[in-house]
Amino acid sequence: MRQQSPLLRRTFIATPQVQADIVQDLYLRELKSYRSPPVKPSDSKGHVQEFTLPKAPPSPEEADIASELKAYESQVPEIEGQAEGGASKVEEDWFVEEAEEDETHAKH
C-alpha cells in the first residue's frame, strides 16, 4: 500500500489576518486618554530661588572726598635708596662677581 502525500495548496488572502494584542490596545487607549495636569504659577515654589537685586554700590559723592584728598597730599612718597628721615640706606649687593685672575698671574 502506498501512502498518499497530503495535498498542499497555495491560497492568497486579500487582507492579512491581524491578531489583536490586548496589552498594546490597553496601552494605546490609556496613552490617548491621558491629560497632563495644568501648570500653575505657584508650582515652582520651593524648587527655584527667588531673585533679589544686589545692593547698589555707594556713589563716590557719598564718600568724604575732601578728607581723602588731604590725606593723600600729606603722604610722603617713598624714594628708592632713601631711608626714612633722609638718611641713605646702604643696600647689600647680593650678586657679586668674582674678579677674574689673569692667566699669567695664576701660573706663578
PDB file of N, CA and C in Angstrom:
ATOM      1  N   MET A   1       0.821  -1.145   0.000  1.00  0.00           N
ATOM      2  CA  MET A   1       0.000   0.000   0.000  1.00  0.00           C
ATOM      3  C   MET A   1       0.887   1.237   0.000  1.00  0.00           C
ATOM      4  N   ARG A   2       0.493   2.118  -0.771  1.00  0.00           N
ATOM      5  CA  ARG A   2       1.229   3.344  -0.966  1.00  0.00           C
ATOM      6  C   ARG A   2       0.590   4.467  -0.159  1.00  0.00           C
ATOM      7  N   GLN A   3       1.505   5.256   0.496  1.00  0.00           N
ATOM      8  CA  GLN A   3       0.959   6.377   1.270  1.00  0.00           C
ATOM      9  C   GLN A   3       0.742   7.557   0.353  1.00  0.00           C
ATOM     10  N   GLN A   4      -0.346   8.145   0.566  1.00  0.00           N
ATOM     11  CA  GLN A   4      -0.673   9.297  -0.255  1.00  0.00           C
ATOM     12  C   GLN A   4      -0.202  10.560   0.470  1.00  0.00           C
ATOM     13  N   SER A   5       0.547  11.370  -0.216  1.00  0.00           N
ATOM     14  CA  SER A   5       1.044  12.604   0.392  1.00  0.00           C
ATOM     15  C   SER A   5      -0.101  13.608   0.497  1.00  0.00           C
ATOM     16  N   PRO A   6      -0.068  14.403   1.508  1.00  0.00           N
ATOM     17  CA  PRO A   6      -1.157  15.368   1.655  1.00  0.00           C
ATOM     18  C   PRO A   6      -1.115  16.394   0.537  1.00  0.00           C
ATOM     19  N   LEU A   7      -2.235  16.837   0.169  1.00  0.00           N
ATOM     20  CA  LEU A   7      -2.369  17.793  -0.917  1.00  0.00           C
ATOM     21  C   LEU A   7      -2.153  19.209  -0.376  1.00  0.00           C
ATOM     22  N   LEU A   8      -1.163  19.896  -0.918  1.00  0.00           N
ATOM     23  CA  LEU A   8      -0.853  21.251  -0.476  1.00  0.00           C
ATOM     24  C   LEU A   8      -1.298  22.232  -1.529  1.00  0.00           C
ATOM     25  N   ARG A   9      -1.931  23.283  -1.081  1.00  0.00           N
ATOM     26  CA  ARG A   9      -2.366  24.325  -1.994  1.00  0.00           C
ATOM     27  C   ARG A   9      -1.920  25.675  -1.485  1.00  0.00           C
ATOM     28  N   ARG A  10      -1.648  26.525  -2.419  1.00  0.00           N
ATOM     29  CA  ARG A  10      -1.347  27.905  -2.060  1.00  0.00           C
ATOM     30  C   ARG A  10      -2.618  28.706  -2.179  1.00  0.00           C
ATOM     31  N   THR A  11      -2.859  29.466  -1.129  1.00  0.00           N
ATOM     32  CA  THR A  11      -4.027  30.334  -1.172  1.00  0.00           C
ATOM     33  C   THR A  11      -3.577  31.741  -0.827  1.00  0.00           C
ATOM     34  N   PHE A  12      -4.150  32.688  -1.468  1.00  0.00           N
ATOM     35  CA  PHE A  12      -3.831  34.092  -1.230  1.00  0.00           C
ATOM     36  C   PHE A  12      -5.055  34.767  -0.647  1.00  0.00           C
ATOM     37  N   ILE A  13      -4.836  35.472   0.445  1.00  0.00           N
ATOM     38  CA  ILE A  13      -5.927  36.186   1.083  1.00  0.00           C
ATOM     39  C   ILE A  13      -5.698  37.665   0.811  1.00  0.00           C
ATOM     40  N   ALA A  14      -6.747  38.358   0.452  1.00  0.00           N
ATOM     41  CA  ALA A  14      -6.630  39.763   0.091  1.00  0.00           C
ATOM     42  C   ALA A  14      -6.276  40.623   1.310  1.00  0.00           C
ATOM     43  N   THR A  15      -6.795  40.330   2.471  1.00  0.00           N
ATOM     44  CA  THR A  15      -6.491  41.111   3.673  1.00  0.00           C
ATOM     45  C   THR A  15      -5.741  40.205   4.643  1.00  0.00           C
ATOM     46  N   PRO A  16      -4.622  40.680   5.166  1.00  0.00           N
ATOM     47  CA  PRO A  16      -3.877  39.836   6.101  1.00  0.00           C
ATOM     48  C   PRO A  16      -4.608  39.748   7.434  1.00  0.00           C
ATOM     49  N   GLN A  17      -4.472  38.616   8.045  1.00  0.00           N
ATOM     50  CA  GLN A  17      -5.112  38.459   9.346  1.00  0.00           C
ATOM     51  C   GLN A  17      -4.209  39.081  10.405  1.00  0.00           C
ATOM     52  N   VAL A  18      -4.777  39.933  11.217  1.00  0.00           N
ATOM     53  CA  VAL A  18      -4.035  40.602  12.274  1.00  0.00           C
ATOM     54  C   VAL A  18      -4.624  40.127  13.594  1.00  0.00           C
ATOM     55  N   GLN A  19      -3.732  39.601  14.425  1.00  0.00           N
ATOM     56  CA  GLN A  19      -4.204  39.183  15.732  1.00  0.00           C
ATOM     57  C   GLN A  19      -4.145  40.385  16.665  1.00  0.00           C
ATOM     58  N   ALA A  20      -5.145  40.537  17.454  1.00  0.00           N
ATOM     59  CA  ALA A  20      -5.226  41.677  18.355  1.00  0.00           C
ATOM     60  C   ALA A  20      -4.301  41.450  19.544  1.00  0.00           C
ATOM     61  N   ASP A  21      -3.527  42.504  19.880  1.00  0.00           N
ATOM     62  CA  ASP A  21      -2.653  42.441  21.040  1.00  0.00           C
ATOM     63  C   ASP A  21      -3.333  43.231  22.153  1.00  0.00           C
ATOM     64  N   ILE A  22      -3.797  42.529  23.148  1.00  0.00           N
ATOM     65  CA  ILE A  22      -4.604  43.146  24.197  1.00  0.00           C
ATOM     66  C   ILE A  22      -3.795  44.179  24.975  1.00  0.00           C
ATOM     67  N   VAL A  23      -2.559  43.859  25.307  1.00  0.00           N
ATOM     68  CA  VAL A  23      -1.728  44.774  26.097  1.00  0.00           C
ATOM     69  C   VAL A  23      -1.449  46.059  25.310  1.00  0.00           C
ATOM     70  N   GLN A  24      -1.144  45.894  24.037  1.00  0.00           N
ATOM     71  CA  GLN A  24      -0.870  47.071  23.208  1.00  0.00           C
ATOM     72  C   GLN A  24      -2.117  47.932  23.071  1.00  0.00           C
ATOM     73  N   ASP A  25      -3.249  47.325  22.911  1.00  0.00           N
ATOM     74  CA  ASP A  25      -4.501  48.081  22.793  1.00  0.00           C
ATOM     75  C   ASP A  25      -4.799  48.854  24.082  1.00  0.00           C
ATOM     76  N   LEU A  26      -4.593  48.233  25.235  1.00  0.00           N
ATOM     77  CA  LEU A  26      -4.818  48.911  26.501  1.00  0.00           C
ATOM     78  C   LEU A  26      -3.844  50.085  26.673  1.00  0.00           C
ATOM     79  N   TYR A  27      -2.584  49.856  26.326  1.00  0.00           N
ATOM     80  CA  TYR A  27      -1.576  50.905  26.440  1.00  0.00           C
ATOM     81  C   TYR A  27      -1.908  52.098  25.549  1.00  0.00           C
ATOM     82  N   LEU A  28      -2.241  51.855  24.312  1.00  0.00           N
ATOM     83  CA  LEU A  28      -2.559  52.947  23.393  1.00  0.00           C
ATOM     84  C   LEU A  28      -3.813  53.696  23.827  1.00  0.00           C
ATOM     85  N   ARG A  29      -4.805  52.973  24.333  1.00  0.00           N
ATOM     86  CA  ARG A  29      -6.036  53.628  24.771  1.00  0.00           C
ATOM     87  C   ARG A  29      -5.760  54.535  25.978  1.00  0.00           C
ATOM     88  N   GLU A  30      -4.942  54.056  26.940  1.00  0.00           N
ATOM     89  CA  GLU A  30      -4.603  54.868  28.106  1.00  0.00           C
ATOM     90  C   GLU A  30      -3.729  56.061  27.715  1.00  0.00           C
ATOM     91  N   LEU A  31      -2.853  55.845  26.777  1.00  0.00           N
ATOM     92  CA  LEU A  31      -1.985  56.918  26.314  1.00  0.00           C
ATOM     93  C   LEU A  31      -2.780  58.030  25.637  1.00  0.00           C
ATOM     94  N   LYS A  32      -3.765  57.657  24.860  1.00  0.00           N
ATOM     95  CA  LYS A  32      -4.601  58.648  24.176  1.00  0.00           C
ATOM     96  C   LYS A  32      -5.512  59.392  25.149  1.00  0.00           C
ATOM     97  N   SER A  33      -5.924  58.746  26.201  1.00  0.00           N
ATOM     98  CA  SER A  33      -6.861  59.381  27.133  1.00  0.00           C
ATOM     99  C   SER A  33      -6.136  60.184  28.227  1.00  0.00           C
ATOM    100  N   TYR A  34      -4.812  60.128  28.279  1.00  0.00           N
ATOM    101  CA  TYR A  34      -4.069  60.849  29.325  1.00  0.00           C
ATOM    102  C   TYR A  34      -4.082  62.347  29.069  1.00  0.00           C
ATOM    103  N   ARG A  35      -4.379  63.089  30.102  1.00  0.00           N
ATOM    104  CA  ARG A  35      -4.342  64.548  30.047  1.00  0.00           C
ATOM    105  C   ARG A  35      -3.400  65.016  31.158  1.00  0.00           C
ATOM    106  N   SER A  36      -2.407  65.801  30.799  1.00  0.00           N
ATOM    107  CA  SER A  36      -1.448  66.274  31.802  1.00  0.00           C
ATOM    108  C   SER A  36      -2.114  67.318  32.695  1.00  0.00           C
ATOM    109  N   PRO A  37      -1.721  67.369  33.970  1.00  0.00           N
ATOM    110  CA  PRO A  37      -2.336  68.353  34.870  1.00  0.00           C
ATOM    111  C   PRO A  37      -1.901  69.759  34.462  1.00  0.00           C
ATOM    112  N   PRO A  38      -2.771  70.742  34.653  1.00  0.00           N
ATOM    113  CA  PRO A  38      -2.420  72.124  34.268  1.00  0.00           C
ATOM    114  C   PRO A  38      -1.293  72.669  35.156  1.00  0.00           C
ATOM    115  N   VAL A  39      -0.442  73.476  34.563  1.00  0.00           N
ATOM    116  CA  VAL A  39       0.686  74.061  35.285  1.00  0.00           C
ATOM    117  C   VAL A  39       0.246  75.361  35.931  1.00  0.00           C
ATOM    118  N   LYS A  40       0.527  75.483  37.238  1.00  0.00           N
ATOM    119  CA  LYS A  40       0.162  76.685  37.984  1.00  0.00           C
ATOM    120  C   LYS A  40       1.413  77.521  38.199  1.00  0.00           C
ATOM    121  N   PRO A  41       1.258  78.820  38.338  1.00  0.00           N
ATOM    122  CA  PRO A  41       2.443  79.661  38.608  1.00  0.00           C
ATOM    123  C   PRO A  41       3.109  79.345  39.948  1.00  0.00           C
ATOM    124  N   SER A  42       2.366  78.791  40.893  1.00  0.00           N
ATOM    125  CA  SER A  42       2.925  78.508  42.222  1.00  0.00           C
ATOM    126  C   SER A  42       3.621  77.144  42.282  1.00  0.00           C
ATOM    127  N   ASP A  43       3.661  76.395  41.198  1.00  0.00           N
ATOM    128  CA  ASP A  43       4.283  75.072  41.202  1.00  0.00           C
ATOM    129  C   ASP A  43       5.800  75.137  41.410  1.00  0.00           C
ATOM    130  N   SER A  44       6.423  76.236  41.062  1.00  0.00           N
ATOM    131  CA  SER A  44       7.875  76.333  41.181  1.00  0.00           C
ATOM    132  C   SER A  44       8.331  76.745  42.574  1.00  0.00           C
ATOM    133  N   LYS A  45       7.414  77.065  43.468  1.00  0.00           N
ATOM    134  CA  LYS A  45       7.788  77.478  44.828  1.00  0.00           C
ATOM    135  C   LYS A  45       8.539  76.345  45.508  1.00  0.00           C
ATOM    136  N   GLY A  46       9.664  76.685  46.116  1.00  0.00           N
ATOM    137  CA  GLY A  46      10.461  75.683  46.808  1.00  0.00           C
ATOM    138  C   GLY A  46      11.483  75.016  45.906  1.00  0.00           C
ATOM    139  N   HIS A  47      11.322  75.104  44.611  1.00  0.00           N
ATOM    140  CA  HIS A  47      12.265  74.494  43.674  1.00  0.00           C
ATOM    141  C   HIS A  47      13.193  75.529  43.046  1.00  0.00           C
ATOM    142  N   VAL A  48      12.794  76.775  43.050  1.00  0.00           N
ATOM    143  CA  VAL A  48      13.555  77.836  42.408  1.00  0.00           C
ATOM    144  C   VAL A  48      13.793  78.944  43.427  1.00  0.00           C
ATOM    145  N   GLN A  49      15.013  79.486  43.451  1.00  0.00           N
ATOM    146  CA  GLN A  49      15.316  80.584  44.362  1.00  0.00           C
ATOM    147  C   GLN A  49      14.703  81.879  43.841  1.00  0.00           C
ATOM    148  N   GLU A  50      14.300  82.697  44.787  1.00  0.00           N
ATOM    149  CA  GLU A  50      13.734  83.998  44.434  1.00  0.00           C
ATOM    150  C   GLU A  50      14.860  84.951  44.059  1.00  0.00           C
ATOM    151  N   PHE A  51      14.652  85.750  43.037  1.00  0.00           N
ATOM    152  CA  PHE A  51      15.661  86.710  42.596  1.00  0.00           C
ATOM    153  C   PHE A  51      15.531  87.992  43.390  1.00  0.00           C
ATOM    154  N   THR A  52      16.650  88.438  43.939  1.00  0.00           N
ATOM    155  CA  THR A  52      16.680  89.722  44.619  1.00  0.00           C
ATOM    156  C   THR A  52      17.806  90.546  44.015  1.00  0.00           C
ATOM    157  N   LEU A  53      17.558  91.817  43.816  1.00  0.00           N
ATOM    158  CA  LEU A  53      18.567  92.694  43.239  1.00  0.00           C
ATOM    159  C   LEU A  53      19.717  92.873  44.220  1.00  0.00           C
ATOM    160  N   PRO A  54      20.957  92.910  43.732  1.00  0.00           N
ATOM    161  CA  PRO A  54      22.079  93.136  44.642  1.00  0.00           C
ATOM    162  C   PRO A  54      22.083  94.570  45.145  1.00  0.00           C
ATOM    163  N   LYS A  55      22.752  94.757  46.273  1.00  0.00           N
ATOM    164  CA  LYS A  55      22.812  96.083  46.867  1.00  0.00           C
ATOM    165  C   LYS A  55      23.627  97.004  45.963  1.00  0.00           C
ATOM    166  N   ALA A  56      23.126  98.192  45.736  1.00  0.00           N
ATOM    167  CA  ALA A  56      23.811  99.146  44.864  1.00  0.00           C
ATOM    168  C   ALA A  56      25.069  99.645  45.560  1.00  0.00           C
ATOM    169  N   PRO A  57      26.175  99.791  44.831  1.00  0.00           N
ATOM    170  CA  PRO A  57      27.400 100.298  45.448  1.00  0.00           C
ATOM    171  C   PRO A  57      27.242 101.773  45.797  1.00  0.00           C
ATOM    172  N   PRO A  58      27.943 102.221  46.824  1.00  0.00           N
ATOM    173  CA  PRO A  58      27.826 103.641  47.196  1.00  0.00           C
ATOM    174  C   PRO A  58      28.474 104.514  46.121  1.00  0.00           C
ATOM    175  N   SER A  59      27.885 105.636  45.868  1.00  0.00           N
ATOM    176  CA  SER A  59      28.428 106.531  44.858  1.00  0.00           C
ATOM    177  C   SER A  59      29.621 107.282  45.434  1.00  0.00           C
ATOM    178  N   PRO A  60      30.540 107.722  44.607  1.00  0.00           N
ATOM    179  CA  PRO A  60      31.699 108.454  45.109  1.00  0.00           C
ATOM    180  C   PRO A  60      31.312 109.774  45.769  1.00  0.00           C
ATOM    181  N   GLU A  61      30.176 110.295  45.439  1.00  0.00           N
ATOM    182  CA  GLU A  61      29.755 111.565  46.022  1.00  0.00           C
ATOM    183  C   GLU A  61      29.432 111.414  47.496  1.00  0.00           C
ATOM    184  N   GLU A  62      29.048 110.198  47.910  1.00  0.00           N
ATOM    185  CA  GLU A  62      28.692 109.984  49.306  1.00  0.00           C
ATOM    186  C   GLU A  62      29.927 109.916  50.194  1.00  0.00           C
ATOM    187  N   ALA A  63      31.067 109.550  49.649  1.00  0.00           N
ATOM    188  CA  ALA A  63      32.288 109.439  50.443  1.00  0.00           C
ATOM    189  C   ALA A  63      32.841 110.825  50.737  1.00  0.00           C
ATOM    190  N   ASP A  64      33.690 110.901  51.747  1.00  0.00           N
ATOM    191  CA  ASP A  64      34.287 112.172  52.134  1.00  0.00           C
ATOM    192  C   ASP A  64      35.544 112.374  51.285  1.00  0.00           C
ATOM    193  N   ILE A  65      35.368 112.933  50.114  1.00  0.00           N
ATOM    194  CA  ILE A  65      36.453 113.068  49.151  1.00  0.00           C
ATOM    195  C   ILE A  65      37.460 114.112  49.604  1.00  0.00           C
ATOM    196  N   ALA A  66      37.026 115.169  50.229  1.00  0.00           N
ATOM    197  CA  ALA A  66      37.937 116.246  50.637  1.00  0.00           C
ATOM    198  C   ALA A  66      38.954 115.740  51.654  1.00  0.00           C
ATOM    199  N   SER A  67      38.512 114.980  52.646  1.00  0.00           N
ATOM    200  CA  SER A  67      39.452 114.484  53.658  1.00  0.00           C
ATOM    201  C   SER A  67      40.401 113.442  53.054  1.00  0.00           C
ATOM    202  N   GLU A  68      39.917 112.644  52.129  1.00  0.00           N
ATOM    203  CA  GLU A  68      40.786 111.669  51.477  1.00  0.00           C
ATOM    204  C   GLU A  68      41.836 112.366  50.623  1.00  0.00           C
ATOM    205  N   LEU A  69      41.481 113.456  49.975  1.00  0.00           N
ATOM    206  CA  LEU A  69      42.428 114.197  49.155  1.00  0.00           C
ATOM    207  C   LEU A  69      43.509 114.852  50.022  1.00  0.00           C
ATOM    208  N   LYS A  70      43.129 115.390  51.185  1.00  0.00           N
ATOM    209  CA  LYS A  70      44.111 115.976  52.097  1.00  0.00           C
ATOM    210  C   LYS A  70      45.059 114.908  52.633  1.00  0.00           C
ATOM    211  N   ALA A  71      44.530 113.740  52.948  1.00  0.00           N
ATOM    212  CA  ALA A  71      45.372 112.645  53.441  1.00  0.00           C
ATOM    213  C   ALA A  71      46.343 112.195  52.353  1.00  0.00           C
ATOM    214  N   TYR A  72      45.910 112.185  51.131  1.00  0.00           N
ATOM    215  CA  TYR A  72      46.779 111.790  50.014  1.00  0.00           C
ATOM    216  C   TYR A  72      47.880 112.817  49.805  1.00  0.00           C
ATOM    217  N   GLU A  73      47.530 114.097  49.883  1.00  0.00           N
ATOM    218  CA  GLU A  73      48.520 115.155  49.670  1.00  0.00           C
ATOM    219  C   GLU A  73      49.538 115.210  50.803  1.00  0.00           C
ATOM    220  N   SER A  74      49.153 114.792  52.014  1.00  0.00           N
ATOM    221  CA  SER A  74      50.069 114.843  53.149  1.00  0.00           C
ATOM    222  C   SER A  74      50.997 113.632  53.213  1.00  0.00           C
ATOM    223  N   GLN A  75      50.781 112.646  52.392  1.00  0.00           N
ATOM    224  CA  GLN A  75      51.652 111.466  52.398  1.00  0.00           C
ATOM    225  C   GLN A  75      53.021 111.830  51.851  1.00  0.00           C
ATOM    226  N   VAL A  76      54.037 111.208  52.408  1.00  0.00           N
ATOM    227  CA  VAL A  76      55.399 111.426  51.932  1.00  0.00           C
ATOM    228  C   VAL A  76      55.724 110.267  51.000  1.00  0.00           C
ATOM    229  N   PRO A  77      56.127 110.568  49.795  1.00  0.00           N
ATOM    230  CA  PRO A  77      56.435 109.480  48.865  1.00  0.00           C
ATOM    231  C   PRO A  77      57.729 108.783  49.253  1.00  0.00           C
ATOM    232  N   GLU A  78      57.743 107.474  49.036  1.00  0.00           N
ATOM    233  CA  GLU A  78      58.944 106.702  49.320  1.00  0.00           C
ATOM    234  C   GLU A  78      59.811 106.708  48.074  1.00  0.00           C
ATOM    235  N   ILE A  79      61.071 107.041  48.271  1.00  0.00           N
ATOM    236  CA  ILE A  79      62.005 107.066  47.156  1.00  0.00           C
ATOM    237  C   ILE A  79      63.019 105.954  47.373  1.00  0.00           C
ATOM    238  N   GLU A  80      63.260 105.190  46.342  1.00  0.00           N
ATOM    239  CA  GLU A  80      64.175 104.071  46.458  1.00  0.00           C
ATOM    240  C   GLU A  80      65.578 104.587  46.731  1.00  0.00           C
ATOM    241  N   GLY A  81      66.260 103.955  47.687  1.00  0.00           N
ATOM    242  CA  GLY A  81      67.608 104.349  48.030  1.00  0.00           C
ATOM    243  C   GLY A  81      67.653 105.315  49.183  1.00  0.00           C
ATOM    244  N   GLN A  82      66.513 105.796  49.636  1.00  0.00           N
ATOM    245  CA  GLN A  82      66.479 106.704  50.780  1.00  0.00           C
ATOM    246  C   GLN A  82      65.706 106.050  51.906  1.00  0.00           C
ATOM    247  N   ALA A  83      66.267 106.151  53.101  1.00  0.00           N
ATOM    248  CA  ALA A  83      65.565 105.617  54.259  1.00  0.00           C
ATOM    249  C   ALA A  83      64.725 106.734  54.852  1.00  0.00           C
ATOM    250  N   GLU A  84      63.896 106.384  55.792  1.00  0.00           N
ATOM    251  CA  GLU A  84      63.076 107.402  56.438  1.00  0.00           C
ATOM    252  C   GLU A  84      63.970 108.345  57.218  1.00  0.00           C
ATOM    253  N   GLY A  85      63.652 109.587  57.220  1.00  0.00           N
ATOM    254  CA  GLY A  85      64.429 110.573  57.937  1.00  0.00           C
ATOM    255  C   GLY A  85      65.551 111.150  57.095  1.00  0.00           C
ATOM    256  N   GLY A  86      65.635 110.827  55.838  1.00  0.00           N
ATOM    257  CA  GLY A  86      66.611 111.409  54.940  1.00  0.00           C
ATOM    258  C   GLY A  86      67.942 110.686  54.922  1.00  0.00           C
ATOM    259  N   ALA A  87      68.206 109.758  55.845  1.00  0.00           N
ATOM    260  CA  ALA A  87      69.484 109.051  55.851  1.00  0.00           C
ATOM    261  C   ALA A  87      69.480 108.015  54.742  1.00  0.00           C
ATOM    262  N   SER A  88      70.617 107.911  54.075  1.00  0.00           N
ATOM    263  CA  SER A  88      70.677 106.944  52.986  1.00  0.00           C
ATOM    264  C   SER A  88      70.975 105.569  53.554  1.00  0.00           C
ATOM    265  N   LYS A  89      70.335 104.608  53.025  1.00  0.00           N
ATOM    266  CA  LYS A  89      70.474 103.239  53.492  1.00  0.00           C
ATOM    267  C   LYS A  89      71.336 102.493  52.489  1.00  0.00           C
ATOM    268  N   VAL A  90      72.335 101.803  52.996  1.00  0.00           N
ATOM    269  CA  VAL A  90      73.230 101.059  52.113  1.00  0.00           C
ATOM    270  C   VAL A  90      72.617  99.682  51.905  1.00  0.00           C
ATOM    271  N   GLU A  91      72.415  99.359  50.663  1.00  0.00           N
ATOM    272  CA  GLU A  91      71.859  98.046  50.354  1.00  0.00           C
ATOM    273  C   GLU A  91      72.981  97.090  50.040  1.00  0.00           C
ATOM    274  N   GLU A  92      72.768  95.874  50.440  1.00  0.00           N
ATOM    275  CA  GLU A  92      73.773  94.866  50.158  1.00  0.00           C
ATOM    276  C   GLU A  92      73.649  94.443  48.702  1.00  0.00           C
ATOM    277  N   ASP A  93      74.798  94.175  48.125  1.00  0.00           N
ATOM    278  CA  ASP A  93      74.805  93.700  46.749  1.00  0.00           C
ATOM    279  C   ASP A  93      74.857  92.180  46.792  1.00  0.00           C
ATOM    280  N   TRP A  94      73.773  91.581  46.445  1.00  0.00           N
ATOM    281  CA  TRP A  94      73.680  90.128  46.546  1.00  0.00           C
ATOM    282  C   TRP A  94      74.411  89.434  45.403  1.00  0.00           C
ATOM    283  N   PHE A  95      74.533  90.063  44.306  1.00  0.00           N
ATOM    284  CA  PHE A  95      75.206  89.444  43.170  1.00  0.00           C
ATOM    285  C   PHE A  95      76.584  90.076  43.039  1.00  0.00           C
ATOM    286  N   VAL A  96      77.570  89.346  43.486  1.00  0.00           N
ATOM    287  CA  VAL A  96      78.937  89.848  43.437  1.00  0.00           C
ATOM    288  C   VAL A  96      79.717  88.981  42.467  1.00  0.00           C
ATOM    289  N   GLU A  97      80.288  89.615  41.475  1.00  0.00           N
ATOM    290  CA  GLU A  97      81.110  88.874  40.525  1.00  0.00           C
ATOM    291  C   GLU A  97      82.519  88.790  41.071  1.00  0.00           C
ATOM    292  N   GLU A  98      83.045  87.605  40.998  1.00  0.00           N
ATOM    293  CA  GLU A  98      84.422  87.438  41.437  1.00  0.00           C
ATOM    294  C   GLU A  98      85.342  87.966  40.352  1.00  0.00           C
ATOM    295  N   ALA A  99      86.374  88.645  40.767  1.00  0.00           N
ATOM    296  CA  ALA A  99      87.311  89.205  39.800  1.00  0.00           C
ATOM    297  C   ALA A  99      88.106  88.065  39.164  1.00  0.00           C
ATOM    298  N   GLU A 100      88.222  88.128  37.866  1.00  0.00           N
ATOM    299  CA  GLU A 100      88.966  87.090  37.165  1.00  0.00           C
ATOM    300  C   GLU A 100      90.458  87.357  37.304  1.00  0.00           C
ATOM    301  N   GLU A 101      91.155  86.325  37.621  1.00  0.00           N
ATOM    302  CA  GLU A 101      92.603  86.468  37.746  1.00  0.00           C
ATOM    303  C   GLU A 101      93.221  86.313  36.374  1.00  0.00           C
ATOM    304  N   ASP A 102      94.261  87.057  36.144  1.00  0.00           N
ATOM    305  CA  ASP A 102      94.972  86.909  34.880  1.00  0.00           C
ATOM    306  C   ASP A 102      95.598  85.526  34.823  1.00  0.00           C
ATOM    307  N   GLU A 103      95.641  84.966  33.614  1.00  0.00           N
ATOM    308  CA  GLU A 103      96.226  83.631  33.472  1.00  0.00           C
ATOM    309  C   GLU A 103      97.714  83.638  33.804  1.00  0.00           C
ATOM    310  N   THR A 104      98.361  84.703  33.466  1.00  0.00           N
ATOM    311  CA  THR A 104      99.792  84.758  33.751  1.00  0.00           C
ATOM    312  C   THR A 104     100.041  84.873  35.247  1.00  0.00           C
ATOM    313  N   HIS A 105      99.178  85.572  35.951  1.00  0.00           N
ATOM    314  CA  HIS A 105      99.316  85.734  37.397  1.00  0.00           C
ATOM    315  C   HIS A 105      98.996  84.438  38.118  1.00  0.00           C
ATOM    316  N   ALA A 106      98.064  83.647  37.577  1.00  0.00           N
ATOM    317  CA  ALA A 106      97.663  82.409  38.214  1.00  0.00           C
ATOM    318  C   ALA A 106      98.745  81.336  38.047  1.00  0.00           C
ATOM    319  N   LYS A 107      99.547  81.377  37.003  1.00  0.00           N
ATOM    320  CA  LYS A 107     100.568  80.365  36.791  1.00  0.00           C
ATOM    321  C   LYS A 107     101.751  80.553  37.745  1.00  0.00           C
ATOM    322  N   HIS A 108     101.977  81.714  38.273  1.00  0.00           N
ATOM    323  CA  HIS A 108     103.132  81.976  39.141  1.00  0.00           C
ATOM    324  C   HIS A 108     102.901  81.496  40.490  1.00  0.00           C
TER     325      HIS A 108
END
